[in-house]
Amino acid sequence: MKKDLRIIFMGTPEFSVPVLEGLIENYKVIGVVTQPDKKVGRKQEIKFSPVKEVAIKNQIPVFQPQRIKKEYQEILDLKPDLIVTCAYGQIIPKIILDLPKYHCINVHASLLPKLRGGAPIHKAIINNYPRTGITIMYMVEKMDAGDILAQRETIIKKEENVGMLHDRLSKMGKELLLDTIPNLIYGKITPIKQQESEVTYAWNITREEEKVDFSKHTIDIYNQIRGLSPHPGAYATLEGKIVKIYASRISESFFTTRKDGEIGKVYEDGIGVSTKDGEIILTEIQFEGKKKMAVKDYFHGYNGEKLIGKIFNEE
């Protein structure tokens, strides 16, 4: 293994951290490129990306171009042998893609060509995919369209939410990347072209996609809730106020006299809400202005029976 391999890493969120740490442990990371710092909260305090935090800890130079298509000279000057990207957040220009001897490769959280785009983990769960995985591919100017170098798949567990799957795939990404790099630099990989006829997309989550529509099938609502938990979180409105929904389970009950979205029963662990074909039990919620909590804990200070008959999303 070439320990002196000079690598630039490009990434931003928490998902990228294990991948970067794996590279630092095994190779010479000469630079890290991440998105610009953000101002957050009421006090507008500066917040570093998780990737920048790791780079600073390991005394690696950090570059944060506002627009990498125009601000790339510092990257060119480093003359890397390999560039690794993982959830960076900007389209990388051709001048950078053509720079390294061993090209620019990407760690993507889906089995390409399925789920190209910025929210592949969320959409895999929301769209009820039975399995997903990690793809290592060559970077090209078109989004997630490069030739595949390696893939590893995993079954999506029925009780798994996006946070759980995110953490598993992040570790898988690190492991697969470290397995792939030696094969790449020693010419042991035959890249595979993606089949354009099989392409699906996973665009970033919109606010509209976060709202639960109780007129849908129970399984679709269940998948939506776990596909958005813990972040950004699904929501519905109740008496004009937003209720965030973080966990649920599917009930075997069905009440023909209830309206879609109507709270019809209080269970030990949650509230039963009618759907198109049954009932979903909301087990972890957050009322507007309150803390997130298990529904059973909420009922300790509130009579759950008062909720019966109320309807989510009623105008």
C-alpha atoms as a PDB file:
ATOM      1  CA  MET A   1       0.000   0.000   0.000  1.00  0.00           C
ATOM      2  CA  LYS A   2       1.345   3.437  -0.911  1.00  0.00           C
ATOM      3  CA  LYS A   3       1.462   5.194   2.451  1.00  0.00           C
ATOM      4  CA  ASP A   4       2.899   8.319   0.807  1.00  0.00           C
ATOM      5  CA  LEU A   5      -0.164   8.716  -1.454  1.00  0.00           C
ATOM      6  CA  ARG A   6      -1.042  12.442  -1.393  1.00  0.00           C
ATOM      7  CA  ILE A   7      -4.801  12.830  -0.967  1.00  0.00           C
ATOM      8  CA  ILE A   8      -7.138  15.817  -0.893  1.00  0.00           C
ATOM      9  CA  PHE A   9     -10.465  15.111   0.800  1.00  0.00           C
ATOM     10  CA  MET A  10     -13.624  17.029  -0.042  1.00  0.00           C
ATOM     11  CA  GLY A  11     -16.669  16.680   2.222  1.00  0.00           C
ATOM     12  CA  THR A  12     -18.862  18.546   4.659  1.00  0.00           C
ATOM     13  CA  PRO A  13     -21.420  16.763   6.920  1.00  0.00           C
ATOM     14  CA  GLU A  14     -21.173  14.197   9.689  1.00  0.00           C
ATOM     15  CA  PHE A  15     -21.568  11.381   7.165  1.00  0.00           C
ATOM     16  CA  SER A  16     -18.152  12.271   5.718  1.00  0.00           C
ATOM     17  CA  VAL A  17     -16.279  12.153   9.037  1.00  0.00           C
ATOM     18  CA  PRO A  18     -15.512   8.388   9.267  1.00  0.00           C
ATOM     19  CA  VAL A  19     -14.371   8.432   5.632  1.00  0.00           C
ATOM     20  CA  LEU A  20     -11.938  11.284   6.326  1.00  0.00           C
ATOM     21  CA  GLU A  21     -10.727   9.663   9.534  1.00  0.00           C
ATOM     22  CA  GLY A  22     -10.029   6.427   7.665  1.00  0.00           C
ATOM     23  CA  LEU A  23      -7.929   8.298   5.124  1.00  0.00           C
ATOM     24  CA  ILE A  24      -5.983  10.129   7.839  1.00  0.00           C
ATOM     25  CA  GLU A  25      -5.214   6.822   9.565  1.00  0.00           C
ATOM     26  CA  ASN A  26      -3.864   5.207   6.372  1.00  0.00           C
ATOM     27  CA  TYR A  27      -2.616   7.896   3.994  1.00  0.00           C
ATOM     28  CA  LYS A  28      -1.196  11.390   3.753  1.00  0.00           C
ATOM     29  CA  VAL A  29      -4.119  13.820   3.621  1.00  0.00           C
ATOM     30  CA  ILE A  30      -2.567  17.077   2.397  1.00  0.00           C
ATOM     31  CA  GLY A  31      -5.708  19.181   2.350  1.00  0.00           C
ATOM     32  CA  VAL A  32      -9.402  19.232   3.176  1.00  0.00           C
ATOM     33  CA  VAL A  33     -12.017  21.127   1.159  1.00  0.00           C
ATOM     34  CA  THR A  34     -15.350  21.796   2.851  1.00  0.00           C
ATOM     35  CA  GLN A  35     -18.277  24.191   2.624  1.00  0.00           C
ATOM     36  CA  PRO A  36     -17.935  27.700   4.105  1.00  0.00           C
ATOM     37  CA  ASP A  37     -18.727  28.213   7.790  1.00  0.00           C
ATOM     38  CA  LYS A  38     -22.351  28.973   8.654  1.00  0.00           C
ATOM     39  CA  LYS A  39     -23.976  31.331  11.117  1.00  0.00           C
ATOM     40  CA  VAL A  40     -26.522  29.473  13.254  1.00  0.00           C
ATOM     41  CA  GLY A  41     -29.017  30.211  16.010  1.00  0.00           C
ATOM     42  CA  ARG A  42     -30.377  33.479  17.298  1.00  0.00           C
ATOM     43  CA  LYS A  43     -26.899  34.721  18.143  1.00  0.00           C
ATOM     44  CA  GLN A  44     -25.680  33.895  14.619  1.00  0.00           C
ATOM     45  CA  GLU A  45     -22.625  32.110  15.961  1.00  0.00           C
ATOM     46  CA  ILE A  46     -20.119  30.714  13.467  1.00  0.00           C
ATOM     47  CA  LYS A  47     -20.348  26.930  13.097  1.00  0.00           C
ATOM     48  CA  PHE A  48     -17.668  24.792  11.455  1.00  0.00           C
ATOM     49  CA  SER A  49     -18.620  21.760   9.390  1.00  0.00           C
ATOM     50  CA  PRO A  50     -17.943  18.369  11.052  1.00  0.00           C
ATOM     51  CA  VAL A  51     -15.259  17.723   8.421  1.00  0.00           C
ATOM     52  CA  LYS A  52     -13.486  21.001   9.223  1.00  0.00           C
ATOM     53  CA  GLU A  53     -13.442  20.072  12.913  1.00  0.00           C
ATOM     54  CA  VAL A  54     -11.605  16.817  12.090  1.00  0.00           C
ATOM     55  CA  ALA A  55      -9.155  18.612   9.801  1.00  0.00           C
ATOM     56  CA  ILE A  56      -8.293  21.193  12.461  1.00  0.00           C
ATOM     57  CA  LYS A  57      -7.837  18.468  15.076  1.00  0.00           C
ATOM     58  CA  ASN A  58      -5.360  16.736  12.770  1.00  0.00           C
ATOM     59  CA  GLN A  59      -3.617  19.969  11.677  1.00  0.00           C
ATOM     60  CA  ILE A  60      -4.596  19.553   8.022  1.00  0.00           C
ATOM     61  CA  PRO A  61      -4.955  22.690   5.865  1.00  0.00           C
ATOM     62  CA  VAL A  62      -8.600  23.589   5.199  1.00  0.00           C
ATOM     63  CA  PHE A  63      -9.967  25.313   2.098  1.00  0.00           C
ATOM     64  CA  GLN A  64     -13.528  26.687   1.983  1.00  0.00           C
ATOM     65  CA  PRO A  65     -14.342  28.167  -1.420  1.00  0.00           C
ATOM     66  CA  GLN A  66     -17.695  29.890  -1.775  1.00  0.00           C
ATOM     67  CA  ARG A  67     -17.769  28.713  -5.403  1.00  0.00           C
ATOM     68  CA  ILE A  68     -15.295  25.991  -6.217  1.00  0.00           C
ATOM     69  CA  LYS A  69     -15.900  26.476  -9.951  1.00  0.00           C
ATOM     70  CA  LYS A  70     -13.996  29.759  -9.629  1.00  0.00           C
ATOM     71  CA  GLU A  71     -11.868  29.331  -6.478  1.00  0.00           C
ATOM     72  CA  TYR A  72      -9.614  26.337  -7.016  1.00  0.00           C
ATOM     73  CA  GLN A  73      -6.003  27.519  -7.409  1.00  0.00           C
ATOM     74  CA  GLU A  74      -5.003  26.454  -3.881  1.00  0.00           C
ATOM     75  CA  ILE A  75      -6.205  22.941  -4.684  1.00  0.00           C
ATOM     76  CA  LEU A  76      -4.239  22.836  -7.935  1.00  0.00           C
ATOM     77  CA  ASP A  77      -1.095  24.009  -6.142  1.00  0.00           C
ATOM     78  CA  LEU A  78      -1.179  21.002  -3.784  1.00  0.00           C
ATOM     79  CA  LYS A  79      -0.764  18.570  -6.718  1.00  0.00           C
ATOM     80  CA  PRO A  80      -2.589  15.587  -5.133  1.00  0.00           C
ATOM     81  CA  ASP A  81      -2.248  12.008  -6.363  1.00  0.00           C
ATOM     82  CA  LEU A  82      -5.906  11.339  -5.559  1.00  0.00           C
ATOM     83  CA  ILE A  83      -8.967  13.372  -4.618  1.00  0.00           C
ATOM     84  CA  VAL A  84     -11.691  11.712  -2.562  1.00  0.00           C
ATOM     85  CA  THR A  85     -15.092  13.370  -2.231  1.00  0.00           C
ATOM     86  CA  CYS A  86     -17.972  12.441   0.046  1.00  0.00           C
ATOM     87  CA  ALA A  87     -21.075  14.623   0.414  1.00  0.00           C
ATOM     88  CA  TYR A  88     -19.115  17.791  -0.366  1.00  0.00           C
ATOM     89  CA  GLY A  89     -22.051  19.863  -1.581  1.00  0.00           C
ATOM     90  CA  GLN A  90     -20.791  21.594  -4.730  1.00  0.00           C
ATOM     91  CA  ILE A  91     -20.297  20.491  -8.340  1.00  0.00           C
ATOM     92  CA  ILE A  92     -16.570  20.047  -8.922  1.00  0.00           C
ATOM     93  CA  PRO A  93     -15.145  21.618 -12.115  1.00  0.00           C
ATOM     94  CA  LYS A  94     -13.306  19.631 -14.782  1.00  0.00           C
ATOM     95  CA  ILE A  95      -9.980  21.328 -14.052  1.00  0.00           C
ATOM     96  CA  ILE A  96      -9.985  19.678 -10.620  1.00  0.00           C
ATOM     97  CA  LEU A  97     -11.403  16.353 -11.835  1.00  0.00           C
ATOM     98  CA  ASP A  98      -8.512  16.080 -14.328  1.00  0.00           C
ATOM     99  CA  LEU A  99      -5.827  17.042 -11.794  1.00  0.00           C
ATOM    100  CA  PRO A 100      -4.853  13.887  -9.820  1.00  0.00           C
ATOM    101  CA  LYS A 101      -2.861  10.965 -11.207  1.00  0.00           C
ATOM    102  CA  TYR A 102      -5.385   8.477  -9.836  1.00  0.00           C
ATOM    103  CA  HIS A 103      -8.373  10.673 -10.664  1.00  0.00           C
ATOM    104  CA  CYS A 104     -11.116  11.994  -8.420  1.00  0.00           C
ATOM    105  CA  ILE A 105     -13.372   9.417  -6.757  1.00  0.00           C
ATOM    106  CA  ASN A 106     -16.580   9.740  -4.779  1.00  0.00           C
ATOM    107  CA  VAL A 107     -18.168   7.838  -1.892  1.00  0.00           C
ATOM    108  CA  HIS A 108     -21.948   7.830  -2.463  1.00  0.00           C
ATOM    109  CA  ALA A 109     -24.626   6.392  -0.149  1.00  0.00           C
ATOM    110  CA  SER A 110     -26.649   4.342  -2.628  1.00  0.00           C
ATOM    111  CA  LEU A 111     -26.307   1.508  -5.115  1.00  0.00           C
ATOM    112  CA  LEU A 112     -25.864   3.628  -8.202  1.00  0.00           C
ATOM    113  CA  PRO A 113     -27.399   4.257 -10.647  1.00  0.00           C
ATOM    114  CA  LYS A 114     -30.250   4.197  -8.127  1.00  0.00           C
ATOM    115  CA  LEU A 115     -30.760   7.327  -6.015  1.00  0.00           C
ATOM    116  CA  ARG A 116     -28.426   9.874  -7.527  1.00  0.00           C
ATOM    117  CA  GLY A 117     -28.503  13.162  -5.652  1.00  0.00           C
ATOM    118  CA  GLY A 118     -28.275  14.731  -2.221  1.00  0.00           C
ATOM    119  CA  ALA A 119     -30.713  12.675  -0.135  1.00  0.00           C
ATOM    120  CA  PRO A 120     -30.147   8.997  -1.031  1.00  0.00           C
ATOM    121  CA  ILE A 121     -30.433   7.677   2.527  1.00  0.00           C
ATOM    122  CA  HIS A 122     -33.694   9.490   3.255  1.00  0.00           C
ATOM    123  CA  LYS A 123     -35.251   8.496  -0.065  1.00  0.00           C
ATOM    124  CA  ALA A 124     -34.207   4.839   0.211  1.00  0.00           C
ATOM    125  CA  ILE A 125     -36.355   4.537   3.343  1.00  0.00           C
ATOM    126  CA  ILE A 126     -39.177   6.831   2.234  1.00  0.00           C
ATOM    127  CA  ASN A 127     -39.517   4.939  -1.049  1.00  0.00           C
ATOM    128  CA  ASN A 128     -39.425   1.562   0.735  1.00  0.00           C
ATOM    129  CA  TYR A 129     -36.264   0.223  -0.893  1.00  0.00           C
ATOM    130  CA  PRO A 130     -35.480  -3.251   0.511  1.00  0.00           C
ATOM    131  CA  ARG A 131     -31.736  -2.605   0.299  1.00  0.00           C
ATOM    132  CA  THR A 132     -29.209   0.126  -0.348  1.00  0.00           C
ATOM    133  CA  GLY A 133     -25.474   0.482   0.036  1.00  0.00           C
ATOM    134  CA  ILE A 134     -22.304   2.356  -0.876  1.00  0.00           C
ATOM    135  CA  THR A 135     -20.845   3.059  -4.289  1.00  0.00           C
ATOM    136  CA  ILE A 136     -17.294   4.204  -5.012  1.00  0.00           C
ATOM    137  CA  MET A 137     -17.140   5.818  -8.434  1.00  0.00           C
ATOM    138  CA  TYR A 138     -15.093   8.096 -10.642  1.00  0.00           C
ATOM    139  CA  MET A 139     -16.245  11.697 -10.483  1.00  0.00           C
ATOM    140  CA  VAL A 140     -17.505  13.329 -13.682  1.00  0.00           C
ATOM    141  CA  GLU A 141     -19.128  16.708 -14.303  1.00  0.00           C
ATOM    142  CA  LYS A 142     -22.602  15.151 -14.384  1.00  0.00           C
ATOM    143  CA  MET A 143     -24.054  14.429 -10.928  1.00  0.00           C
ATOM    144  CA  ASP A 144     -23.230  10.931  -9.596  1.00  0.00           C
ATOM    145  CA  ALA A 145     -22.870   9.589 -13.133  1.00  0.00           C
ATOM    146  CA  GLY A 146     -19.266   8.333 -13.165  1.00  0.00           C
ATOM    147  CA  ASP A 147     -18.107   4.770 -13.764  1.00  0.00           C
ATOM    148  CA  ILE A 148     -18.479   2.453 -10.770  1.00  0.00           C
ATOM    149  CA  LEU A 149     -15.319   1.173  -9.077  1.00  0.00           C
ATOM    150  CA  ALA A 150     -16.846  -0.780  -6.190  1.00  0.00           C
ATOM    151  CA  GLN A 151     -20.170  -1.380  -4.434  1.00  0.00           C
ATOM    152  CA  ARG A 152     -21.296  -2.931  -1.191  1.00  0.00           C
ATOM    153  CA  GLU A 153     -24.954  -3.459  -0.267  1.00  0.00           C
ATOM    154  CA  THR A 154     -26.942  -3.844   2.913  1.00  0.00           C
ATOM    155  CA  ILE A 155     -30.541  -4.698   3.767  1.00  0.00           C
ATOM    156  CA  ILE A 156     -32.616  -1.835   5.183  1.00  0.00           C
ATOM    157  CA  LYS A 157     -34.167  -3.024   8.429  1.00  0.00           C
ATOM    158  CA  LYS A 158     -37.897  -2.406   8.789  1.00  0.00           C
ATOM    159  CA  GLU A 159     -37.475  -0.590  12.113  1.00  0.00           C
ATOM    160  CA  GLU A 160     -34.479   1.479  10.959  1.00  0.00           C
ATOM    161  CA  ASN A 161     -34.781   5.245  10.693  1.00  0.00           C
ATOM    162  CA  VAL A 162     -32.601   7.517   8.589  1.00  0.00           C
ATOM    163  CA  GLY A 163     -30.278   8.301  11.487  1.00  0.00           C
ATOM    164  CA  MET A 164     -29.547   4.634  12.114  1.00  0.00           C
ATOM    165  CA  LEU A 165     -29.023   3.854   8.430  1.00  0.00           C
ATOM    166  CA  HIS A 166     -26.881   6.981   8.020  1.00  0.00           C
ATOM    167  CA  ASP A 167     -24.472   5.792  10.712  1.00  0.00           C
ATOM    168  CA  ARG A 168     -24.220   2.278   9.266  1.00  0.00           C
ATOM    169  CA  LEU A 169     -23.614   3.517   5.730  1.00  0.00           C
ATOM    170  CA  SER A 170     -21.049   6.041   6.912  1.00  0.00           C
ATOM    171  CA  LYS A 171     -18.946   3.245   8.412  1.00  0.00           C
ATOM    172  CA  MET A 172     -19.499   1.100   5.313  1.00  0.00           C
ATOM    173  CA  GLY A 173     -18.275   3.977   3.174  1.00  0.00           C
ATOM    174  CA  LYS A 174     -15.047   4.187   5.135  1.00  0.00           C
ATOM    175  CA  GLU A 175     -14.469   0.433   4.924  1.00  0.00           C
ATOM    176  CA  LEU A 176     -15.240   0.141   1.218  1.00  0.00           C
ATOM    177  CA  LEU A 177     -13.073   3.144   0.348  1.00  0.00           C
ATOM    178  CA  LEU A 178     -10.074   1.704   2.205  1.00  0.00           C
ATOM    179  CA  ASP A 179     -10.589  -1.616   0.417  1.00  0.00           C
ATOM    180  CA  THR A 180     -10.894   0.115  -2.959  1.00  0.00           C
ATOM    181  CA  ILE A 181      -7.947   2.544  -2.987  1.00  0.00           C
ATOM    182  CA  PRO A 182      -5.173  -0.124  -3.150  1.00  0.00           C
ATOM    183  CA  ASN A 183      -6.972  -1.921  -5.986  1.00  0.00           C
ATOM    184  CA  LEU A 184      -7.381   1.390  -7.798  1.00  0.00           C
ATOM    185  CA  ILE A 185      -3.757   2.536  -7.584  1.00  0.00           C
ATOM    186  CA  TYR A 186      -2.425  -0.898  -8.570  1.00  0.00           C
ATOM    187  CA  GLY A 187      -4.740  -1.117 -11.575  1.00  0.00           C
ATOM    188  CA  LYS A 188      -6.819  -4.035 -10.322  1.00  0.00           C
ATOM    189  CA  ILE A 189     -10.233  -2.479 -11.030  1.00  0.00           C
ATOM    190  CA  THR A 190     -12.210  -2.539 -14.262  1.00  0.00           C
ATOM    191  CA  PRO A 191     -14.667   0.387 -14.019  1.00  0.00           C
ATOM    192  CA  ILE A 192     -18.303  -0.357 -14.865  1.00  0.00           C
ATOM    193  CA  LYS A 193     -20.445   2.172 -16.713  1.00  0.00           C
ATOM    194  CA  GLN A 194     -23.766   3.068 -15.119  1.00  0.00           C
ATOM    195  CA  GLN A 195     -26.899   2.024 -16.976  1.00  0.00           C
ATOM    196  CA  GLU A 196     -28.776   5.243 -17.690  1.00  0.00           C
ATOM    197  CA  SER A 197     -32.030   3.303 -18.137  1.00  0.00           C
ATOM    198  CA  GLU A 198     -31.896   2.338 -14.442  1.00  0.00           C
ATOM    199  CA  VAL A 199     -31.277   5.818 -13.036  1.00  0.00           C
ATOM    200  CA  THR A 200     -33.461   7.159 -10.205  1.00  0.00           C
ATOM    201  CA  TYR A 201     -32.961  10.385  -8.278  1.00  0.00           C
ATOM    202  CA  ALA A 202     -32.916  11.398  -4.629  1.00  0.00           C
ATOM    203  CA  TRP A 203     -33.290  15.165  -4.639  1.00  0.00           C
ATOM    204  CA  ASN A 204     -32.827  17.078  -1.390  1.00  0.00           C
ATOM    205  CA  ILE A 205     -35.816  16.931   0.959  1.00  0.00           C
ATOM    206  CA  THR A 206     -38.285  19.790   0.549  1.00  0.00           C
ATOM    207  CA  ARG A 207     -40.555  21.238   3.228  1.00  0.00           C
ATOM    208  CA  GLU A 208     -43.567  19.795   1.378  1.00  0.00           C
ATOM    209  CA  GLU A 209     -42.095  16.287   1.623  1.00  0.00           C
ATOM    210  CA  GLU A 210     -41.818  16.636   5.391  1.00  0.00           C
ATOM    211  CA  LYS A 211     -45.574  17.067   5.898  1.00  0.00           C
ATOM    212  CA  VAL A 212     -47.503  13.875   6.648  1.00  0.00           C
ATOM    213  CA  ASP A 213     -50.626  13.274   4.588  1.00  0.00           C
ATOM    214  CA  PHE A 214     -52.833  10.886   6.571  1.00  0.00           C
ATOM    215  CA  SER A 215     -54.962  10.130   3.498  1.00  0.00           C
ATOM    216  CA  LYS A 216     -52.080   7.957   2.265  1.00  0.00           C
ATOM    217  CA  HIS A 217     -51.503   4.266   2.982  1.00  0.00           C
ATOM    218  CA  THR A 218     -50.240   3.436   6.464  1.00  0.00           C
ATOM    219  CA  ILE A 219     -47.004   1.858   5.219  1.00  0.00           C
ATOM    220  CA  ASP A 220     -46.165   4.990   3.192  1.00  0.00           C
ATOM    221  CA  ILE A 221     -46.677   7.213   6.241  1.00  0.00           C
ATOM    222  CA  TYR A 222     -44.608   4.868   8.412  1.00  0.00           C
ATOM    223  CA  ASN A 223     -41.756   4.955   5.888  1.00  0.00           C
ATOM    224  CA  GLN A 224     -41.983   8.735   5.563  1.00  0.00           C
ATOM    225  CA  ILE A 225     -41.713   9.219   9.338  1.00  0.00           C
ATOM    226  CA  ARG A 226     -38.707   6.937   9.775  1.00  0.00           C
ATOM    227  CA  GLY A 227     -37.148   8.241   6.556  1.00  0.00           C
ATOM    228  CA  LEU A 228     -37.086  11.741   8.064  1.00  0.00           C
ATOM    229  CA  SER A 229     -36.133  10.886  11.656  1.00  0.00           C
ATOM    230  CA  PRO A 230     -34.286  12.368  13.431  1.00  0.00           C
ATOM    231  CA  HIS A 231     -33.580  15.009  10.795  1.00  0.00           C
ATOM    232  CA  PRO A 232     -35.324  16.978   9.434  1.00  0.00           C
ATOM    233  CA  GLY A 233     -38.367  15.284  11.012  1.00  0.00           C
ATOM    234  CA  ALA A 234     -41.842  14.707   9.612  1.00  0.00           C
ATOM    235  CA  TYR A 235     -44.643  16.973  10.772  1.00  0.00           C
ATOM    236  CA  ALA A 236     -48.375  17.565  10.757  1.00  0.00           C
ATOM    237  CA  THR A 237     -50.568  20.310  12.166  1.00  0.00           C
ATOM    238  CA  LEU A 238     -53.026  19.948  15.026  1.00  0.00           C
ATOM    239  CA  GLU A 239     -55.338  22.829  15.906  1.00  0.00           C
ATOM    240  CA  GLY A 240     -53.160  25.126  13.832  1.00  0.00           C
ATOM    241  CA  LYS A 241     -49.901  24.197  15.546  1.00  0.00           C
ATOM    242  CA  ILE A 242     -47.025  22.138  14.185  1.00  0.00           C
ATOM    243  CA  VAL A 243     -46.458  18.694  15.667  1.00  0.00           C
ATOM    244  CA  LYS A 244     -43.166  17.042  14.722  1.00  0.00           C
ATOM    245  CA  ILE A 245     -43.353  13.246  14.412  1.00  0.00           C
ATOM    246  CA  TYR A 246     -40.217  11.172  14.974  1.00  0.00           C
ATOM    247  CA  ALA A 247     -41.412   7.597  15.507  1.00  0.00           C
ATOM    248  CA  SER A 248     -44.465   5.444  14.875  1.00  0.00           C
ATOM    249  CA  ARG A 249     -45.678   1.897  14.503  1.00  0.00           C
ATOM    250  CA  ILE A 250     -48.307   0.315  12.307  1.00  0.00           C
ATOM    251  CA  SER A 251     -51.554  -0.715  13.964  1.00  0.00           C
ATOM    252  CA  GLU A 252     -53.648  -3.699  12.924  1.00  0.00           C
ATOM    253  CA  SER A 253     -56.837  -1.739  13.603  1.00  0.00           C
ATOM    254  CA  PHE A 254     -59.077  -0.116  11.012  1.00  0.00           C
ATOM    255  CA  PHE A 255     -61.974   2.219  11.770  1.00  0.00           C
ATOM    256  CA  THR A 256     -64.301   2.930   8.829  1.00  0.00           C
ATOM    257  CA  THR A 257     -66.123   5.769  10.590  1.00  0.00           C
ATOM    258  CA  ARG A 258     -63.041   7.920  11.184  1.00  0.00           C
ATOM    259  CA  LYS A 259     -61.731  10.661   8.950  1.00  0.00           C
ATOM    260  CA  ASP A 260     -58.181  10.505   7.643  1.00  0.00           C
ATOM    261  CA  GLY A 261     -55.915  12.089  10.262  1.00  0.00           C
ATOM    262  CA  GLU A 262     -58.417  11.655  13.090  1.00  0.00           C
ATOM    263  CA  ILE A 263     -57.089  10.626  16.503  1.00  0.00           C
ATOM    264  CA  GLY A 264     -59.331   7.752  17.494  1.00  0.00           C
ATOM    265  CA  LYS A 265     -57.595   5.859  20.258  1.00  0.00           C
ATOM    266  CA  VAL A 266     -54.986   6.295  22.962  1.00  0.00           C
ATOM    267  CA  TYR A 267     -52.602   3.376  23.383  1.00  0.00           C
ATOM    268  CA  GLU A 268     -50.090   2.737  26.140  1.00  0.00           C
ATOM    269  CA  ASP A 269     -47.252   3.917  23.897  1.00  0.00           C
ATOM    270  CA  GLY A 270     -48.936   6.396  21.575  1.00  0.00           C
ATOM    271  CA  ILE A 271     -51.950   7.833  19.798  1.00  0.00           C
ATOM    272  CA  GLY A 272     -53.769   6.057  16.972  1.00  0.00           C
ATOM    273  CA  VAL A 273     -54.388   8.157  13.874  1.00  0.00           C
ATOM    274  CA  SER A 274     -56.578   6.989  11.000  1.00  0.00           C
ATOM    275  CA  THR A 275     -55.097   6.586   7.527  1.00  0.00           C
ATOM    276  CA  LYS A 276     -56.392   5.600   4.099  1.00  0.00           C
ATOM    277  CA  ASP A 277     -56.231   1.883   4.869  1.00  0.00           C
ATOM    278  CA  GLY A 278     -55.879   1.615   8.635  1.00  0.00           C
ATOM    279  CA  GLU A 279     -54.251   3.287  11.568  1.00  0.00           C
ATOM    280  CA  ILE A 280     -50.774   4.487  12.462  1.00  0.00           C
ATOM    281  CA  ILE A 281     -49.697   4.894  16.078  1.00  0.00           C
ATOM    282  CA  LEU A 282     -47.495   7.914  16.714  1.00  0.00           C
ATOM    283  CA  THR A 283     -45.045   7.044  19.499  1.00  0.00           C
ATOM    284  CA  GLU A 284     -42.563   9.948  19.590  1.00  0.00           C
ATOM    285  CA  ILE A 285     -43.637  13.502  18.886  1.00  0.00           C
ATOM    286  CA  GLN A 286     -42.842  17.120  19.636  1.00  0.00           C
ATOM    287  CA  PHE A 287     -45.603  19.642  20.164  1.00  0.00           C
ATOM    288  CA  GLU A 288     -44.838  23.197  19.106  1.00  0.00           C
ATOM    289  CA  GLY A 289     -42.857  24.929  21.838  1.00  0.00           C
ATOM    290  CA  LYS A 290     -42.263  21.677  23.726  1.00  0.00           C
ATOM    291  CA  LYS A 291     -39.439  19.145  23.937  1.00  0.00           C
ATOM    292  CA  LYS A 292     -39.335  15.978  21.876  1.00  0.00           C
ATOM    293  CA  MET A 293     -40.618  13.051  23.925  1.00  0.00           C
ATOM    294  CA  ALA A 294     -42.218   9.637  23.848  1.00  0.00           C
ATOM    295  CA  VAL A 295     -45.998  10.013  23.660  1.00  0.00           C
ATOM    296  CA  LYS A 296     -46.435   7.903  26.819  1.00  0.00           C
ATOM    297  CA  ASP A 297     -44.298  10.443  28.721  1.00  0.00           C
ATOM    298  CA  TYR A 298     -46.330  13.312  27.314  1.00  0.00           C
ATOM    299  CA  PHE A 299     -49.510  11.764  28.697  1.00  0.00           C
ATOM    300  CA  HIS A 300     -48.123  11.904  32.240  1.00  0.00           C
ATOM    301  CA  GLY A 301     -48.848  15.612  32.255  1.00  0.00           C
ATOM    302  CA  TYR A 302     -51.793  15.639  29.876  1.00  0.00           C
ATOM    303  CA  ASN A 303     -54.953  13.583  29.622  1.00  0.00           C
ATOM    304  CA  GLY A 304     -54.550  11.706  26.366  1.00  0.00           C
ATOM    305  CA  GLU A 305     -58.302  11.188  26.073  1.00  0.00           C
ATOM    306  CA  LYS A 306     -58.608  14.902  25.312  1.00  0.00           C
ATOM    307  CA  LEU A 307     -56.939  14.237  21.968  1.00  0.00           C
ATOM    308  CA  ILE A 308     -59.576  11.768  20.779  1.00  0.00           C
ATOM    309  CA  GLY A 309     -61.632  13.160  17.919  1.00  0.00           C
ATOM    310  CA  LYS A 310     -59.128  15.828  16.983  1.00  0.00           C
ATOM    311  CA  ILE A 311     -57.946  15.749  13.387  1.00  0.00           C
ATOM    312  CA  PHE A 312     -54.441  16.360  12.047  1.00  0.00           C
ATOM    313  CA  ASN A 313     -54.078  18.867   9.195  1.00  0.00           C
ATOM    314  CA  GLU A 314     -57.680  20.023   9.510  1.00  0.00           C
ATOM    315  CA  GLU A 315     -58.109  23.513   8.085  1.00  0.00           C
END
